[in-house]
Structures are given as structure tokens and as C-alpha cells.
Amino acid sequence: MKPVLDHIGIAVRSIEGAAVYRALGLTVDHVETVETQGVRIAFLPVGDSSLELLEPTSAASPVAKFIEKRGEGIHHICFRVDDIDAHLERLKAAGFRLINESPVPGAHGCRVAFLHPAAGNGVLIELSEKVK
């Protein structure tokens, strides 16, 4: 299956402080903490995909480091795939730089893996597979 846009991750200092999305009429569907990533995530559905507001849970989290270096803003884009292992194998064989060579636990119980921004023209790309 061809990947589809799952979500756009936006790094924020505070989920509650990201008021513009509420002002646009978007609502938080679910909030979840992913301990392995050091992040609290608010999910805001937008059509068939969503925005994820990523709030760091500690100064050591990757999102906290991102905000410190670049400020709040778009952190990554995520594509939903059916077979994440096959996609990672194909991307690695093609010479693309991966952050995760095998999937790790992500939000909603999904298996996720990140490609290095150098592989995505400066954009951090996440692949996500729903666990069946």
C-alpha cells in the first residue's frame, strides 16, 4: 500500500498554550504521554489526518532539544504504512539515513520509526504502522 499522510507533529512548549488551534475550531480528541519519546501529545483531527501537538515532558527529551535549537514549530510529518519493516528495509537498501533501523513503540500503540532529516530534504519523517 502507498503511504498516506497520518499526521503533522508540531513542537510546542505547552499544549494548553497552543490556543490558535482551538481558535481555528479544532478540538483535542485525545492526550497521551509516550514515555519512550519524553513527550505528551495532544491529537487534533483534521480531515483524514491530524495535528499532533508535542509537549516535552523533560528538558532531555528530543522535542525539548528541538524547541531549544529551533523554537516551536513543525517537528515532523508522519506517513501511515502497512508494512513498516519492508519500508525500512527498502529505504535502508536505497541508502537513506535512518534514525530507527527497526520500529519502536509510538502513540496509539503503533510501531514507528524515524528517518533522519537528511533523508527527507531537511524534514524529519516518521513512518507509523498500526498494530493489528
N, C-alpha and C. Protein backbone atom coordinates (compact mmCIF):
# COMPACT_ATOMS: atom_id res chain seq x y z
N MET A 1 0.84 -1.20 0.00
CA MET A 1 0.00 0.00 0.00
C MET A 1 0.87 1.25 0.00
N LYS A 2 0.45 2.21 -0.73
CA LYS A 2 1.12 3.50 -0.78
C LYS A 2 0.92 4.22 0.56
N PRO A 3 1.98 4.82 1.13
CA PRO A 3 1.82 5.56 2.39
C PRO A 3 0.80 6.69 2.26
N VAL A 4 0.11 6.98 3.37
CA VAL A 4 -0.81 8.11 3.41
C VAL A 4 -0.39 9.03 4.56
N LEU A 5 -0.73 10.31 4.44
CA LEU A 5 -0.39 11.25 5.49
C LEU A 5 -1.19 10.90 6.73
N ASP A 6 -0.49 10.64 7.83
CA ASP A 6 -1.15 10.31 9.09
C ASP A 6 -1.29 11.57 9.94
N HIS A 7 -0.17 12.28 10.13
CA HIS A 7 -0.24 13.50 10.95
C HIS A 7 0.97 14.39 10.69
N ILE A 8 0.85 15.61 11.18
CA ILE A 8 1.96 16.56 11.22
C ILE A 8 2.21 16.85 12.69
N GLY A 9 3.44 16.64 13.12
CA GLY A 9 3.82 16.88 14.51
C GLY A 9 4.32 18.30 14.69
N ILE A 10 3.78 19.00 15.66
CA ILE A 10 4.16 20.39 15.93
C ILE A 10 4.69 20.47 17.35
N ALA A 11 5.95 20.87 17.48
CA ALA A 11 6.59 21.01 18.79
C ALA A 11 6.08 22.29 19.46
N VAL A 12 5.59 22.14 20.69
CA VAL A 12 5.08 23.28 21.46
C VAL A 12 5.64 23.21 22.88
N ARG A 13 5.80 24.35 23.49
CA ARG A 13 6.23 24.37 24.88
C ARG A 13 5.12 23.88 25.80
N SER A 14 3.87 24.19 25.41
CA SER A 14 2.71 23.84 26.22
C SER A 14 1.52 23.56 25.32
N ILE A 15 0.90 22.41 25.51
CA ILE A 15 -0.30 22.09 24.74
C ILE A 15 -1.39 23.12 25.02
N GLU A 16 -1.56 23.46 26.29
CA GLU A 16 -2.59 24.43 26.67
C GLU A 16 -2.29 25.81 26.09
N GLY A 17 -1.03 26.14 25.89
CA GLY A 17 -0.65 27.44 25.35
C GLY A 17 -0.80 27.56 23.84
N ALA A 18 -1.10 26.45 23.17
CA ALA A 18 -1.24 26.46 21.71
C ALA A 18 -2.69 26.78 21.34
N ALA A 19 -3.13 27.96 21.72
CA ALA A 19 -4.54 28.36 21.61
C ALA A 19 -5.03 28.59 20.18
N VAL A 20 -4.13 28.85 19.25
CA VAL A 20 -4.57 29.17 17.89
C VAL A 20 -5.36 28.01 17.27
N TYR A 21 -5.01 26.78 17.62
CA TYR A 21 -5.71 25.64 17.03
C TYR A 21 -7.16 25.55 17.53
N ARG A 22 -7.38 25.88 18.80
CA ARG A 22 -8.75 25.95 19.33
C ARG A 22 -9.50 27.11 18.66
N ALA A 23 -8.80 28.23 18.46
CA ALA A 23 -9.42 29.39 17.83
C ALA A 23 -9.83 29.08 16.38
N LEU A 24 -9.12 28.15 15.76
CA LEU A 24 -9.48 27.73 14.41
C LEU A 24 -10.66 26.75 14.39
N GLY A 25 -11.07 26.30 15.56
CA GLY A 25 -12.19 25.38 15.65
C GLY A 25 -11.79 23.92 15.80
N LEU A 26 -10.49 23.66 15.91
CA LEU A 26 -10.04 22.28 16.11
C LEU A 26 -10.18 21.91 17.57
N THR A 27 -10.45 20.64 17.81
CA THR A 27 -10.60 20.17 19.18
C THR A 27 -9.65 19.01 19.45
N VAL A 28 -9.24 18.92 20.70
CA VAL A 28 -8.37 17.83 21.12
C VAL A 28 -9.22 16.57 21.26
N ASP A 29 -8.83 15.54 20.54
CA ASP A 29 -9.53 14.26 20.55
C ASP A 29 -9.01 13.36 21.67
N HIS A 30 -7.71 13.47 21.96
CA HIS A 30 -7.07 12.54 22.89
C HIS A 30 -5.73 13.13 23.30
N VAL A 31 -5.32 12.90 24.53
CA VAL A 31 -3.98 13.29 25.00
C VAL A 31 -3.32 12.04 25.55
N GLU A 32 -2.06 11.87 25.21
CA GLU A 32 -1.32 10.67 25.60
C GLU A 32 0.13 11.04 25.88
N THR A 33 0.74 10.36 26.82
CA THR A 33 2.17 10.53 27.09
C THR A 33 2.90 9.32 26.56
N VAL A 34 3.97 9.57 25.78
CA VAL A 34 4.82 8.49 25.28
C VAL A 34 6.15 8.63 26.02
N GLU A 35 6.29 7.84 27.07
CA GLU A 35 7.46 7.92 27.94
C GLU A 35 8.76 7.71 27.18
N THR A 36 8.76 6.76 26.23
CA THR A 36 9.99 6.44 25.50
C THR A 36 10.48 7.61 24.65
N GLN A 37 9.58 8.52 24.29
CA GLN A 37 9.95 9.69 23.50
C GLN A 37 10.05 10.96 24.35
N GLY A 38 9.66 10.86 25.62
CA GLY A 38 9.70 12.03 26.51
C GLY A 38 8.77 13.14 26.06
N VAL A 39 7.55 12.75 25.68
CA VAL A 39 6.63 13.73 25.11
C VAL A 39 5.19 13.45 25.52
N ARG A 40 4.45 14.52 25.70
CA ARG A 40 2.99 14.47 25.90
C ARG A 40 2.38 14.96 24.60
N ILE A 41 1.41 14.22 24.08
CA ILE A 41 0.87 14.51 22.75
C ILE A 41 -0.63 14.76 22.83
N ALA A 42 -1.06 15.85 22.19
CA ALA A 42 -2.49 16.12 22.01
C ALA A 42 -2.80 15.90 20.54
N PHE A 43 -3.85 15.12 20.28
CA PHE A 43 -4.25 14.78 18.92
C PHE A 43 -5.44 15.62 18.51
N LEU A 44 -5.31 16.36 17.40
CA LEU A 44 -6.38 17.21 16.88
C LEU A 44 -6.73 16.73 15.47
N PRO A 45 -7.84 16.03 15.30
CA PRO A 45 -8.22 15.54 13.98
C PRO A 45 -8.44 16.69 12.99
N VAL A 46 -7.94 16.46 11.77
CA VAL A 46 -8.14 17.40 10.67
C VAL A 46 -8.38 16.54 9.41
N GLY A 47 -9.62 16.40 9.02
CA GLY A 47 -9.93 15.53 7.88
C GLY A 47 -9.53 14.10 8.18
N ASP A 48 -8.83 13.46 7.25
CA ASP A 48 -8.40 12.08 7.41
C ASP A 48 -7.07 11.95 8.15
N SER A 49 -6.48 13.06 8.53
CA SER A 49 -5.22 13.03 9.27
C SER A 49 -5.39 13.87 10.53
N SER A 50 -4.29 14.23 11.15
CA SER A 50 -4.40 15.02 12.38
C SER A 50 -3.15 15.86 12.59
N LEU A 51 -3.29 16.79 13.50
CA LEU A 51 -2.14 17.52 14.02
C LEU A 51 -1.81 16.87 15.36
N GLU A 52 -0.54 16.75 15.65
CA GLU A 52 -0.11 16.29 16.97
C GLU A 52 0.68 17.41 17.60
N LEU A 53 0.20 17.91 18.71
CA LEU A 53 0.94 18.91 19.46
C LEU A 53 1.85 18.16 20.41
N LEU A 54 3.15 18.37 20.29
CA LEU A 54 4.17 17.63 21.03
C LEU A 54 4.76 18.52 22.12
N GLU A 55 4.47 18.19 23.35
CA GLU A 55 4.96 18.95 24.51
C GLU A 55 6.01 18.09 25.22
N PRO A 56 7.24 18.59 25.37
CA PRO A 56 8.26 17.79 26.06
C PRO A 56 7.90 17.57 27.52
N THR A 57 8.24 16.39 28.03
CA THR A 57 7.99 16.08 29.44
C THR A 57 9.24 16.29 30.29
N SER A 58 10.38 16.54 29.63
CA SER A 58 11.62 16.85 30.36
C SER A 58 12.55 17.63 29.43
N ALA A 59 13.51 18.29 30.03
CA ALA A 59 14.47 19.08 29.26
C ALA A 59 15.38 18.19 28.41
N ALA A 60 15.42 16.89 28.72
CA ALA A 60 16.28 15.96 27.99
C ALA A 60 15.59 15.32 26.79
N SER A 61 14.30 15.56 26.62
CA SER A 61 13.57 14.90 25.52
C SER A 61 14.00 15.50 24.18
N PRO A 62 13.91 14.69 23.11
CA PRO A 62 14.26 15.20 21.78
C PRO A 62 13.45 16.43 21.38
N VAL A 63 12.17 16.48 21.78
CA VAL A 63 11.34 17.63 21.42
C VAL A 63 11.80 18.88 22.17
N ALA A 64 12.21 18.74 23.43
CA ALA A 64 12.74 19.89 24.19
C ALA A 64 14.00 20.41 23.52
N LYS A 65 14.86 19.51 23.07
CA LYS A 65 16.10 19.92 22.39
C LYS A 65 15.78 20.61 21.07
N PHE A 66 14.76 20.09 20.37
CA PHE A 66 14.33 20.71 19.11
C PHE A 66 13.87 22.14 19.36
N ILE A 67 13.02 22.34 20.37
CA ILE A 67 12.50 23.68 20.68
C ILE A 67 13.63 24.61 21.09
N GLU A 68 14.56 24.10 21.88
CA GLU A 68 15.70 24.92 22.32
C GLU A 68 16.54 25.39 21.13
N LYS A 69 16.71 24.51 20.16
CA LYS A 69 17.54 24.82 18.99
C LYS A 69 16.81 25.62 17.92
N ARG A 70 15.54 25.27 17.65
CA ARG A 70 14.82 25.85 16.52
C ARG A 70 13.58 26.63 16.89
N GLY A 71 13.13 26.51 18.14
CA GLY A 71 11.89 27.15 18.54
C GLY A 71 10.70 26.24 18.24
N GLU A 72 9.53 26.69 18.66
CA GLU A 72 8.31 25.92 18.40
C GLU A 72 8.04 25.89 16.89
N GLY A 73 7.38 24.84 16.45
CA GLY A 73 7.01 24.76 15.04
C GLY A 73 6.92 23.33 14.55
N ILE A 74 6.83 23.18 13.25
CA ILE A 74 6.69 21.85 12.66
C ILE A 74 7.91 21.01 13.01
N HIS A 75 7.65 19.87 13.61
CA HIS A 75 8.70 18.96 14.05
C HIS A 75 8.90 17.82 13.05
N HIS A 76 7.80 17.23 12.58
CA HIS A 76 7.90 16.12 11.64
C HIS A 76 6.58 15.91 10.90
N ILE A 77 6.69 15.12 9.82
CA ILE A 77 5.49 14.64 9.15
C ILE A 77 5.51 13.11 9.26
N CYS A 78 4.33 12.55 9.35
CA CYS A 78 4.22 11.11 9.54
C CYS A 78 3.37 10.48 8.44
N PHE A 79 3.91 9.39 7.91
CA PHE A 79 3.17 8.61 6.91
C PHE A 79 2.76 7.28 7.53
N ARG A 80 1.50 6.93 7.37
CA ARG A 80 0.98 5.64 7.82
C ARG A 80 1.30 4.61 6.73
N VAL A 81 1.88 3.49 7.15
CA VAL A 81 2.24 2.42 6.22
C VAL A 81 1.67 1.10 6.72
N ASP A 82 1.53 0.14 5.83
CA ASP A 82 1.03 -1.18 6.20
C ASP A 82 2.14 -2.10 6.71
N ASP A 83 3.32 -2.02 6.13
CA ASP A 83 4.42 -2.90 6.50
C ASP A 83 5.67 -2.07 6.75
N ILE A 84 5.80 -1.58 7.97
CA ILE A 84 6.90 -0.67 8.31
C ILE A 84 8.26 -1.34 8.12
N ASP A 85 8.35 -2.62 8.43
CA ASP A 85 9.63 -3.32 8.28
C ASP A 85 10.08 -3.34 6.82
N ALA A 86 9.17 -3.61 5.91
CA ALA A 86 9.51 -3.62 4.48
C ALA A 86 9.92 -2.23 4.01
N HIS A 87 9.22 -1.20 4.47
CA HIS A 87 9.58 0.17 4.08
C HIS A 87 10.97 0.52 4.59
N LEU A 88 11.27 0.19 5.84
CA LEU A 88 12.59 0.50 6.40
C LEU A 88 13.69 -0.25 5.66
N GLU A 89 13.45 -1.51 5.34
CA GLU A 89 14.43 -2.30 4.60
C GLU A 89 14.70 -1.69 3.23
N ARG A 90 13.64 -1.31 2.55
CA ARG A 90 13.77 -0.72 1.21
C ARG A 90 14.50 0.63 1.27
N LEU A 91 14.15 1.48 2.26
CA LEU A 91 14.80 2.78 2.39
C LEU A 91 16.28 2.64 2.74
N LYS A 92 16.60 1.72 3.64
CA LYS A 92 17.99 1.48 4.01
C LYS A 92 18.80 0.97 2.82
N ALA A 93 18.23 0.03 2.07
CA ALA A 93 18.91 -0.51 0.89
C ALA A 93 19.15 0.57 -0.17
N ALA A 94 18.26 1.56 -0.21
CA ALA A 94 18.40 2.66 -1.17
C ALA A 94 19.39 3.73 -0.68
N GLY A 95 19.93 3.54 0.54
CA GLY A 95 20.94 4.47 1.04
C GLY A 95 20.42 5.63 1.86
N PHE A 96 19.14 5.61 2.23
CA PHE A 96 18.59 6.69 3.05
C PHE A 96 18.99 6.50 4.51
N ARG A 97 19.33 7.58 5.15
CA ARG A 97 19.76 7.55 6.55
C ARG A 97 18.55 7.42 7.47
N LEU A 98 18.60 6.43 8.36
CA LEU A 98 17.51 6.18 9.29
C LEU A 98 17.94 6.52 10.71
N ILE A 99 17.03 7.04 11.49
CA ILE A 99 17.28 7.21 12.92
C ILE A 99 16.98 5.89 13.61
N ASN A 100 15.88 5.26 13.23
CA ASN A 100 15.49 3.96 13.79
C ASN A 100 15.57 2.92 12.67
N GLU A 101 16.45 1.94 12.83
CA GLU A 101 16.54 0.89 11.82
C GLU A 101 15.46 -0.17 12.03
N SER A 102 14.88 -0.19 13.22
CA SER A 102 13.72 -1.03 13.49
C SER A 102 12.69 -0.23 14.25
N PRO A 103 11.43 -0.60 14.13
CA PRO A 103 10.36 0.17 14.77
C PRO A 103 10.47 0.17 16.30
N VAL A 104 9.97 1.27 16.88
CA VAL A 104 9.89 1.44 18.33
C VAL A 104 8.43 1.74 18.69
N PRO A 105 8.06 1.58 19.96
CA PRO A 105 6.67 1.90 20.35
C PRO A 105 6.38 3.39 20.19
N GLY A 106 5.19 3.69 19.66
CA GLY A 106 4.76 5.07 19.49
C GLY A 106 3.36 5.27 20.06
N ALA A 107 2.81 6.43 19.80
CA ALA A 107 1.47 6.77 20.28
C ALA A 107 0.44 5.82 19.68
N HIS A 108 -0.69 5.69 20.37
CA HIS A 108 -1.80 4.81 19.96
C HIS A 108 -1.37 3.36 19.83
N GLY A 109 -0.24 2.98 20.45
CA GLY A 109 0.24 1.61 20.37
C GLY A 109 0.82 1.24 19.02
N CYS A 110 1.09 2.24 18.19
CA CYS A 110 1.65 1.97 16.86
C CYS A 110 3.13 1.64 16.94
N ARG A 111 3.63 1.03 15.90
CA ARG A 111 5.07 0.83 15.71
C ARG A 111 5.54 1.98 14.82
N VAL A 112 6.59 2.69 15.24
CA VAL A 112 7.05 3.86 14.50
C VAL A 112 8.55 3.80 14.28
N ALA A 113 9.00 4.53 13.29
CA ALA A 113 10.43 4.69 13.01
C ALA A 113 10.62 6.04 12.33
N PHE A 114 11.76 6.67 12.63
CA PHE A 114 12.06 7.98 12.06
C PHE A 114 13.21 7.89 11.07
N LEU A 115 13.08 8.65 9.99
CA LEU A 115 14.16 8.83 9.03
C LEU A 115 14.88 10.11 9.39
N HIS A 116 16.17 10.14 9.21
CA HIS A 116 16.96 11.34 9.51
C HIS A 116 16.50 12.47 8.58
N PRO A 117 16.50 13.71 9.08
CA PRO A 117 16.10 14.84 8.21
C PRO A 117 16.90 14.92 6.92
N ALA A 118 18.14 14.44 6.92
CA ALA A 118 18.94 14.45 5.69
C ALA A 118 18.29 13.59 4.61
N ALA A 119 17.54 12.57 5.00
CA ALA A 119 16.86 11.71 4.04
C ALA A 119 15.61 12.38 3.47
N GLY A 120 15.05 13.34 4.22
CA GLY A 120 13.79 13.97 3.84
C GLY A 120 13.92 15.42 3.45
N ASN A 121 15.03 15.78 2.82
CA ASN A 121 15.24 17.17 2.38
C ASN A 121 15.10 18.15 3.52
N GLY A 122 15.63 17.77 4.69
CA GLY A 122 15.60 18.65 5.85
C GLY A 122 14.38 18.45 6.74
N VAL A 123 13.50 17.53 6.37
CA VAL A 123 12.29 17.27 7.15
C VAL A 123 12.42 15.92 7.85
N LEU A 124 12.15 15.90 9.15
CA LEU A 124 12.11 14.65 9.90
C LEU A 124 10.85 13.90 9.47
N ILE A 125 11.02 12.65 9.01
CA ILE A 125 9.89 11.84 8.56
C ILE A 125 9.71 10.67 9.51
N GLU A 126 8.47 10.47 9.90
CA GLU A 126 8.10 9.33 10.74
C GLU A 126 7.25 8.37 9.91
N LEU A 127 7.51 7.08 10.06
CA LEU A 127 6.64 6.06 9.49
C LEU A 127 5.91 5.43 10.66
N SER A 128 4.63 5.13 10.47
CA SER A 128 3.82 4.57 11.55
C SER A 128 2.97 3.43 11.02
N GLU A 129 2.96 2.33 11.77
CA GLU A 129 2.15 1.17 11.41
C GLU A 129 1.26 0.83 12.59
N LYS A 130 -0.03 0.74 12.34
CA LYS A 130 -0.97 0.36 13.40
C LYS A 130 -0.78 -1.12 13.70
N VAL A 131 -0.75 -1.44 14.98
CA VAL A 131 -0.64 -2.83 15.39
C VAL A 131 -2.01 -3.48 15.24
N LYS A 132 -2.05 -4.60 14.58
CA LYS A 132 -3.34 -5.25 14.29
C LYS A 132 -3.72 -6.20 15.38
